Amino acid sequence: MWRRAAVAAERGLRGMAGRRWRSGAGSPERAAGERAPRIYTRTGDSGFSSTFTGERRPKGDRIFEALGATDELSSAIGLAGEFSSEKGYTFVDQLHKVQCMLQDVGSNIATPLSSAREAHRKRTSFSEKPILELEQWIDSYSEQLPPLRAFILPSGGRSSAALHFSRAVCRRAERCVVPLVQAGEADPNVAKYLNRLSDYLFVLARYAAMKEGKEEKIYIKPEP
C-alpha cells in the first residue's frame, strides 16, 4: 500500500485523490472501454508486503507498524477535521495539509535507507520546512490561549476531544518511528515532524475548546 503511495506522491497524487470523480456520479470517471482498477492485489496474502525499494518484509516488521500508526493518525485527524469543519474553523485547512504531509511521512518510512538507491531517496526525502511551519502554527495558537495551570484531560467538546485523540495516536506513531530513525532506516526529520505535530494537536485542541466556550476537564487527585 505505501509503496503505491510513494509512487503516487512522485506523480503528484495523494492517496485516493488520484482518482477523478464525475460530478454527481456514483462511480469514477473512466474513458469508454477502460477497466476499473482493482483495489485488491492478493500480494499480501502470505503475510508479507513490499517497501518502496522493492523489499519483501513480514507485515509485522517495524516499518509496517510505523506505517500503520501513521495511517491511523491521518484517519484520526480526518475525523477531527470533520467535527471542526462543522464549527467553521479555519484551521481545517491546516489539518488537511497535515494529512498530505503524513502521506510524505509514509513514503519516507516505506523507503528504508539501508536498501534505498539515490533515486529513491530523492523521491521520498523529508525536509525541515514542514517542521518549522508547525512551530509557527503552535506559537500562533499558544499566544491566544489562557495559561496552562493543571493537567488537562481529553475533553472540551467534540472537536477538542477528537484532536486530543489524534494527539495520542500521533505520540504512538512517533514511538514507532523513533527506532527506525535510530537504526538509520528513516529520516530524523520524520520523527521531529511527528513530535511537533503532537504539540500542535494539543494546542489546537485547547484552542477549539476555548472558541466553543467548552470547559477543559482537569485532573483531580482522588481522595485517599
C-alpha atoms as a PDB file:
ATOM      1  CA  MET A   1       0.000   0.000   0.000  1.00  0.00           C
ATOM      2  CA  TRP A   2       2.668   2.502   0.987  1.00  0.00           C
ATOM      3  CA  ARG A   3       4.851   1.523  -1.926  1.00  0.00           C
ATOM      4  CA  ARG A   4       1.977   2.576  -4.162  1.00  0.00           C
ATOM      5  CA  ALA A   5       1.576   5.727  -2.079  1.00  0.00           C
ATOM      6  CA  ALA A   6       5.211   6.631  -2.644  1.00  0.00           C
ATOM      7  CA  VAL A   7       4.806   6.182  -6.372  1.00  0.00           C
ATOM      8  CA  ALA A   8       1.624   8.255  -6.232  1.00  0.00           C
ATOM      9  CA  ALA A   9       3.461  11.002  -4.391  1.00  0.00           C
ATOM     10  CA  GLU A  10       6.053  11.082  -7.161  1.00  0.00           C
ATOM     11  CA  ARG A  11       3.283  11.637  -9.677  1.00  0.00           C
ATOM     12  CA  GLY A  12       1.748  14.431  -7.656  1.00  0.00           C
ATOM     13  CA  LEU A  13      -1.121  12.351  -6.309  1.00  0.00           C
ATOM     14  CA  ARG A  14      -2.233  11.938  -2.740  1.00  0.00           C
ATOM     15  CA  GLY A  15      -3.657   8.518  -1.889  1.00  0.00           C
ATOM     16  CA  MET A  16      -7.061   8.039  -3.425  1.00  0.00           C
ATOM     17  CA  ALA A  17      -7.186  11.654  -4.566  1.00  0.00           C
ATOM     18  CA  GLY A  18      -5.602  10.498  -7.781  1.00  0.00           C
ATOM     19  CA  ARG A  19      -8.983   9.260  -8.963  1.00  0.00           C
ATOM     20  CA  ARG A  20     -11.183  11.736 -10.786  1.00  0.00           C
ATOM     21  CA  TRP A  21     -14.859  11.576  -9.916  1.00  0.00           C
ATOM     22  CA  ARG A  22     -17.542  12.730 -12.264  1.00  0.00           C
ATOM     23  CA  SER A  23     -19.647  15.420 -10.587  1.00  0.00           C
ATOM     24  CA  GLY A  24     -22.880  13.927  -9.337  1.00  0.00           C
ATOM     25  CA  ALA A  25     -21.977  10.429 -10.457  1.00  0.00           C
ATOM     26  CA  GLY A  26     -21.592   7.398  -8.260  1.00  0.00           C
ATOM     27  CA  SER A  27     -18.566   5.902  -9.994  1.00  0.00           C
ATOM     28  CA  PRO A  28     -15.113   7.078 -11.081  1.00  0.00           C
ATOM     29  CA  GLU A  29     -14.860   8.854 -14.416  1.00  0.00           C
ATOM     30  CA  ARG A  30     -13.340   6.488 -16.980  1.00  0.00           C
ATOM     31  CA  ALA A  31     -12.838   6.546 -20.687  1.00  0.00           C
ATOM     32  CA  ALA A  32     -15.031   4.268 -22.759  1.00  0.00           C
ATOM     33  CA  GLY A  33     -13.827   0.693 -22.509  1.00  0.00           C
ATOM     34  CA  GLU A  34     -11.398   1.445 -19.667  1.00  0.00           C
ATOM     35  CA  ARG A  35     -11.447  -1.158 -16.912  1.00  0.00           C
ATOM     36  CA  ALA A  36     -11.965  -0.114 -13.312  1.00  0.00           C
ATOM     37  CA  PRO A  37      -8.777  -0.535 -11.242  1.00  0.00           C
ATOM     38  CA  ARG A  38      -8.787  -3.328  -8.683  1.00  0.00           C
ATOM     39  CA  ILE A  39      -8.300  -2.378  -5.046  1.00  0.00           C
ATOM     40  CA  TYR A  40      -7.046  -5.807  -4.024  1.00  0.00           C
ATOM     41  CA  THR A  41      -3.776  -7.308  -5.268  1.00  0.00           C
ATOM     42  CA  ARG A  42      -3.510 -10.570  -3.266  1.00  0.00           C
ATOM     43  CA  THR A  43       0.234  -9.914  -2.936  1.00  0.00           C
ATOM     44  CA  GLY A  44      -0.039  -9.657   0.848  1.00  0.00           C
ATOM     45  CA  ASP A  45      -1.951 -12.870   1.441  1.00  0.00           C
ATOM     46  CA  SER A  46       1.170 -14.716   2.582  1.00  0.00           C
ATOM     47  CA  GLY A  47       1.842 -12.198   5.359  1.00  0.00           C
ATOM     48  CA  PHE A  48       4.469 -10.177   3.517  1.00  0.00           C
ATOM     49  CA  SER A  49       4.356  -6.725   1.964  1.00  0.00           C
ATOM     50  CA  SER A  50       6.666  -4.571  -0.144  1.00  0.00           C
ATOM     51  CA  THR A  51       8.612  -1.446   0.695  1.00  0.00           C
ATOM     52  CA  PHE A  52       9.105   1.275  -1.907  1.00  0.00           C
ATOM     53  CA  THR A  53      12.594  -0.116  -2.516  1.00  0.00           C
ATOM     54  CA  GLY A  54      11.108  -3.462  -3.536  1.00  0.00           C
ATOM     55  CA  GLU A  55      11.968  -5.439  -0.412  1.00  0.00           C
ATOM     56  CA  ARG A  56       9.505  -8.060   0.765  1.00  0.00           C
ATOM     57  CA  ARG A  57       9.188  -7.937   4.537  1.00  0.00           C
ATOM     58  CA  PRO A  58       6.834  -9.580   7.052  1.00  0.00           C
ATOM     59  CA  LYS A  59       3.806  -7.451   7.824  1.00  0.00           C
ATOM     60  CA  GLY A  60       4.865  -7.478  11.463  1.00  0.00           C
ATOM     61  CA  ASP A  61       8.075  -5.642  10.545  1.00  0.00           C
ATOM     62  CA  ARG A  62       8.516  -2.385  12.429  1.00  0.00           C
ATOM     63  CA  ILE A  63       8.394  -0.453   9.158  1.00  0.00           C
ATOM     64  CA  PHE A  64       4.822  -1.570   8.608  1.00  0.00           C
ATOM     65  CA  GLU A  65       3.999  -0.959  12.259  1.00  0.00           C
ATOM     66  CA  ALA A  66       5.098   2.650  11.765  1.00  0.00           C
ATOM     67  CA  LEU A  67       3.188   2.933   8.501  1.00  0.00           C
ATOM     68  CA  GLY A  68       0.048   1.576  10.137  1.00  0.00           C
ATOM     69  CA  ALA A  69       0.311   4.030  13.016  1.00  0.00           C
ATOM     70  CA  THR A  70       0.780   6.899  10.567  1.00  0.00           C
ATOM     71  CA  ASP A  71      -2.253   5.763   8.592  1.00  0.00           C
ATOM     72  CA  GLU A  72      -4.318   5.633  11.798  1.00  0.00           C
ATOM     73  CA  LEU A  73      -3.106   9.120  12.647  1.00  0.00           C
ATOM     74  CA  SER A  74      -4.282  10.509   9.327  1.00  0.00           C
ATOM     75  CA  SER A  75      -7.679   8.863   9.850  1.00  0.00           C
ATOM     76  CA  ALA A  76      -7.978  10.315  13.359  1.00  0.00           C
ATOM     77  CA  ILE A  77      -7.086  13.764  12.060  1.00  0.00           C
ATOM     78  CA  GLY A  78      -9.640  13.349   9.293  1.00  0.00           C
ATOM     79  CA  LEU A  79     -12.335  12.682  11.884  1.00  0.00           C
ATOM     80  CA  ALA A  80     -11.229  15.673  13.954  1.00  0.00           C
ATOM     81  CA  GLY A  81     -11.284  17.768  10.805  1.00  0.00           C
ATOM     82  CA  GLU A  82     -14.871  16.788  10.040  1.00  0.00           C
ATOM     83  CA  PHE A  83     -16.008  17.747  13.551  1.00  0.00           C
ATOM     84  CA  SER A  84     -14.088  21.016  13.312  1.00  0.00           C
ATOM     85  CA  SER A  85     -15.486  21.766   9.872  1.00  0.00           C
ATOM     86  CA  GLU A  86     -18.992  21.660  11.311  1.00  0.00           C
ATOM     87  CA  LYS A  87     -17.951  24.562  13.546  1.00  0.00           C
ATOM     88  CA  GLY A  88     -16.469  26.523  10.670  1.00  0.00           C
ATOM     89  CA  TYR A  89     -12.903  26.536  11.983  1.00  0.00           C
ATOM     90  CA  THR A  90     -10.359  27.861   9.509  1.00  0.00           C
ATOM     91  CA  PHE A  91      -7.675  25.537  10.888  1.00  0.00           C
ATOM     92  CA  VAL A  92      -9.369  22.708   9.000  1.00  0.00           C
ATOM     93  CA  ASP A  93      -7.216  23.676   6.020  1.00  0.00           C
ATOM     94  CA  GLN A  94      -4.139  23.157   8.180  1.00  0.00           C
ATOM     95  CA  LEU A  95      -5.362  19.709   9.174  1.00  0.00           C
ATOM     96  CA  HIS A  96      -5.807  18.802   5.526  1.00  0.00           C
ATOM     97  CA  LYS A  97      -2.260  19.957   4.821  1.00  0.00           C
ATOM     98  CA  VAL A  98      -1.046  17.808   7.715  1.00  0.00           C
ATOM     99  CA  GLN A  99      -2.787  14.774   6.228  1.00  0.00           C
ATOM    100  CA  CYS A 100      -0.986  15.400   2.937  1.00  0.00           C
ATOM    101  CA  MET A 101       2.323  15.682   4.806  1.00  0.00           C
ATOM    102  CA  LEU A 102       1.595  12.368   6.515  1.00  0.00           C
ATOM    103  CA  GLN A 103       1.482  10.757   3.073  1.00  0.00           C
ATOM    104  CA  ASP A 104       5.021  12.057   2.575  1.00  0.00           C
ATOM    105  CA  VAL A 105       5.944  10.773   6.037  1.00  0.00           C
ATOM    106  CA  GLY A 106       4.676   7.358   4.984  1.00  0.00           C
ATOM    107  CA  SER A 107       6.625   7.449   1.750  1.00  0.00           C
ATOM    108  CA  ASN A 108       9.821   8.135   3.675  1.00  0.00           C
ATOM    109  CA  ILE A 109       9.141   5.353   6.174  1.00  0.00           C
ATOM    110  CA  ALA A 110       8.376   2.946   3.320  1.00  0.00           C
ATOM    111  CA  THR A 111      11.814   3.664   1.843  1.00  0.00           C
ATOM    112  CA  PRO A 112      14.330   2.101   4.271  1.00  0.00           C
ATOM    113  CA  LEU A 113      17.640   3.850   3.801  1.00  0.00           C
ATOM    114  CA  SER A 114      19.542   0.572   4.077  1.00  0.00           C
ATOM    115  CA  SER A 115      18.207  -0.553   0.693  1.00  0.00           C
ATOM    116  CA  ALA A 116      17.316   2.785  -0.940  1.00  0.00           C
ATOM    117  CA  ARG A 117      19.075   3.938  -4.065  1.00  0.00           C
ATOM    118  CA  GLU A 118      19.760   7.617  -4.625  1.00  0.00           C
ATOM    119  CA  ALA A 119      16.682   7.907  -6.839  1.00  0.00           C
ATOM    120  CA  HIS A 120      14.520   6.509  -4.021  1.00  0.00           C
ATOM    121  CA  ARG A 121      15.972   8.974  -1.531  1.00  0.00           C
ATOM    122  CA  LYS A 122      15.333  11.952  -3.768  1.00  0.00           C
ATOM    123  CA  ARG A 123      11.713  10.970  -4.271  1.00  0.00           C
ATOM    124  CA  THR A 124      10.941  10.438  -0.598  1.00  0.00           C
ATOM    125  CA  SER A 125      13.217  12.915   1.211  1.00  0.00           C
ATOM    126  CA  PHE A 126      11.632  14.870   4.059  1.00  0.00           C
ATOM    127  CA  SER A 127      12.823  18.421   4.710  1.00  0.00           C
ATOM    128  CA  GLU A 128      12.801  20.612   7.808  1.00  0.00           C
ATOM    129  CA  LYS A 129      10.374  23.118   6.280  1.00  0.00           C
ATOM    130  CA  PRO A 130       7.105  21.453   7.464  1.00  0.00           C
ATOM    131  CA  ILE A 131       8.557  21.200  10.992  1.00  0.00           C
ATOM    132  CA  LEU A 132       9.195  24.932  11.079  1.00  0.00           C
ATOM    133  CA  GLU A 133       5.693  25.563   9.763  1.00  0.00           C
ATOM    134  CA  LEU A 134       4.180  23.519  12.596  1.00  0.00           C
ATOM    135  CA  GLU A 135       6.197  25.530  15.097  1.00  0.00           C
ATOM    136  CA  GLN A 136       4.802  28.749  13.640  1.00  0.00           C
ATOM    137  CA  TRP A 137       1.264  27.413  13.956  1.00  0.00           C
ATOM    138  CA  ILE A 138       1.905  26.305  17.533  1.00  0.00           C
ATOM    139  CA  ASP A 139       3.235  29.721  18.524  1.00  0.00           C
ATOM    140  CA  SER A 140       0.296  31.474  16.873  1.00  0.00           C
ATOM    141  CA  TYR A 141      -2.362  29.491  18.754  1.00  0.00           C
ATOM    142  CA  SER A 142      -0.435  29.400  22.029  1.00  0.00           C
ATOM    143  CA  GLU A 143      -0.428  33.196  22.197  1.00  0.00           C
ATOM    144  CA  GLN A 144      -4.230  33.156  22.233  1.00  0.00           C
ATOM    145  CA  LEU A 145      -4.667  30.554  24.981  1.00  0.00           C
ATOM    146  CA  PRO A 146      -5.002  31.017  28.741  1.00  0.00           C
ATOM    147  CA  PRO A 147      -2.034  29.801  30.818  1.00  0.00           C
ATOM    148  CA  LEU A 148      -1.833  26.077  31.446  1.00  0.00           C
ATOM    149  CA  ARG A 149      -2.087  25.582  35.216  1.00  0.00           C
ATOM    150  CA  ALA A 150      -3.222  21.961  35.543  1.00  0.00           C
ATOM    151  CA  PHE A 151      -3.080  18.609  33.782  1.00  0.00           C
ATOM    152  CA  ILE A 152      -5.824  18.645  31.136  1.00  0.00           C
ATOM    153  CA  LEU A 153      -7.876  15.561  30.367  1.00  0.00           C
ATOM    154  CA  PRO A 154      -9.127  14.968  26.812  1.00  0.00           C
ATOM    155  CA  SER A 155     -12.384  16.944  26.768  1.00  0.00           C
ATOM    156  CA  GLY A 156     -13.689  20.356  25.703  1.00  0.00           C
ATOM    157  CA  GLY A 157     -16.296  19.360  23.128  1.00  0.00           C
ATOM    158  CA  ARG A 158     -16.273  17.040  20.137  1.00  0.00           C
ATOM    159  CA  SER A 159     -13.662  18.906  18.109  1.00  0.00           C
ATOM    160  CA  SER A 160     -11.309  19.276  21.054  1.00  0.00           C
ATOM    161  CA  ALA A 161     -11.702  15.672  22.214  1.00  0.00           C
ATOM    162  CA  ALA A 162     -11.093  14.373  18.671  1.00  0.00           C
ATOM    163  CA  LEU A 163      -7.948  16.494  18.424  1.00  0.00           C
ATOM    164  CA  HIS A 164      -6.745  15.133  21.766  1.00  0.00           C
ATOM    165  CA  PHE A 165      -7.340  11.612  20.452  1.00  0.00           C
ATOM    166  CA  SER A 166      -5.341  12.478  17.329  1.00  0.00           C
ATOM    167  CA  ARG A 167      -2.546  13.731  19.579  1.00  0.00           C
ATOM    168  CA  ALA A 168      -2.424  10.397  21.417  1.00  0.00           C
ATOM    169  CA  VAL A 169      -2.277   8.473  18.124  1.00  0.00           C
ATOM    170  CA  CYS A 170       0.468  10.831  16.970  1.00  0.00           C
ATOM    171  CA  ARG A 171       2.542  10.014  20.048  1.00  0.00           C
ATOM    172  CA  ARG A 172       2.241   6.321  19.234  1.00  0.00           C
ATOM    173  CA  ALA A 173       3.264   6.944  15.621  1.00  0.00           C
ATOM    174  CA  GLU A 174       6.307   8.830  16.875  1.00  0.00           C
ATOM    175  CA  ARG A 175       7.245   5.932  19.176  1.00  0.00           C
ATOM    176  CA  CYS A 176       7.076   3.594  16.178  1.00  0.00           C
ATOM    177  CA  VAL A 177       9.228   5.849  14.008  1.00  0.00           C
ATOM    178  CA  VAL A 178      11.987   6.648  16.521  1.00  0.00           C
ATOM    179  CA  PRO A 179      13.515   3.114  16.436  1.00  0.00           C
ATOM    180  CA  LEU A 180      13.651   3.348  12.625  1.00  0.00           C
ATOM    181  CA  VAL A 181      15.475   6.657  12.850  1.00  0.00           C
ATOM    182  CA  GLN A 182      17.881   5.287  15.462  1.00  0.00           C
ATOM    183  CA  ALA A 183      18.581   2.308  13.195  1.00  0.00           C
ATOM    184  CA  GLY A 184      19.327   4.648  10.281  1.00  0.00           C
ATOM    185  CA  GLU A 185      16.303   3.473   8.282  1.00  0.00           C
ATOM    186  CA  ALA A 186      14.244   6.699   8.279  1.00  0.00           C
ATOM    187  CA  ASP A 187      14.969  10.422   8.083  1.00  0.00           C
ATOM    188  CA  PRO A 188      15.307  12.099  11.510  1.00  0.00           C
ATOM    189  CA  ASN A 189      13.074  14.917  10.259  1.00  0.00           C
ATOM    190  CA  VAL A 190      10.165  12.460  10.128  1.00  0.00           C
ATOM    191  CA  ALA A 191      10.388  11.817  13.873  1.00  0.00           C
ATOM    192  CA  LYS A 192      10.815  15.538  14.538  1.00  0.00           C
ATOM    193  CA  TYR A 193       7.712  16.284  12.475  1.00  0.00           C
ATOM    194  CA  LEU A 194       5.599  13.820  14.441  1.00  0.00           C
ATOM    195  CA  ASN A 195       6.932  15.253  17.692  1.00  0.00           C
ATOM    196  CA  ARG A 196       5.906  18.789  16.724  1.00  0.00           C
ATOM    197  CA  LEU A 197       2.629  17.541  15.306  1.00  0.00           C
ATOM    198  CA  SER A 198       1.561  16.119  18.668  1.00  0.00           C
ATOM    199  CA  ASP A 199       2.298  19.510  20.256  1.00  0.00           C
ATOM    200  CA  TYR A 200       0.299  21.242  17.535  1.00  0.00           C
ATOM    201  CA  LEU A 201      -2.681  18.936  18.047  1.00  0.00           C
ATOM    202  CA  PHE A 202      -2.574  19.566  21.797  1.00  0.00           C
ATOM    203  CA  VAL A 203      -2.567  23.340  21.364  1.00  0.00           C
ATOM    204  CA  LEU A 204      -5.262  23.112  18.711  1.00  0.00           C
ATOM    205  CA  ALA A 205      -7.464  21.011  20.998  1.00  0.00           C
ATOM    206  CA  ARG A 206      -7.220  23.701  23.676  1.00  0.00           C
ATOM    207  CA  TYR A 207      -7.944  26.395  21.093  1.00  0.00           C
ATOM    208  CA  ALA A 208     -11.077  24.585  19.874  1.00  0.00           C
ATOM    209  CA  ALA A 209     -12.366  24.221  23.443  1.00  0.00           C
ATOM    210  CA  MET A 210     -11.767  27.918  24.078  1.00  0.00           C
ATOM    211  CA  LYS A 211     -13.526  29.022  20.888  1.00  0.00           C
ATOM    212  CA  GLU A 212     -16.561  26.878  21.713  1.00  0.00           C
ATOM    213  CA  GLY A 213     -16.649  28.024  25.327  1.00  0.00           C
ATOM    214  CA  LYS A 214     -16.319  24.421  26.486  1.00  0.00           C
ATOM    215  CA  GLU A 215     -14.779  23.511  29.816  1.00  0.00           C
ATOM    216  CA  GLU A 216     -11.450  21.709  29.766  1.00  0.00           C
ATOM    217  CA  LYS A 217     -11.638  18.992  32.396  1.00  0.00           C
ATOM    218  CA  ILE A 218      -8.585  18.797  34.612  1.00  0.00           C
ATOM    219  CA  TYR A 219      -7.013  16.024  36.623  1.00  0.00           C
ATOM    220  CA  ILE A 220      -8.201  15.910  40.237  1.00  0.00           C
ATOM    221  CA  LYS A 221      -6.332  13.635  42.569  1.00  0.00           C
ATOM    222  CA  PRO A 222      -8.748  11.146  44.153  1.00  0.00           C
ATOM    223  CA  GLU A 223      -9.262  11.264  47.859  1.00  0.00           C
ATOM    224  CA  PRO A 224      -7.179   8.604  49.695  1.00  0.00           C
END
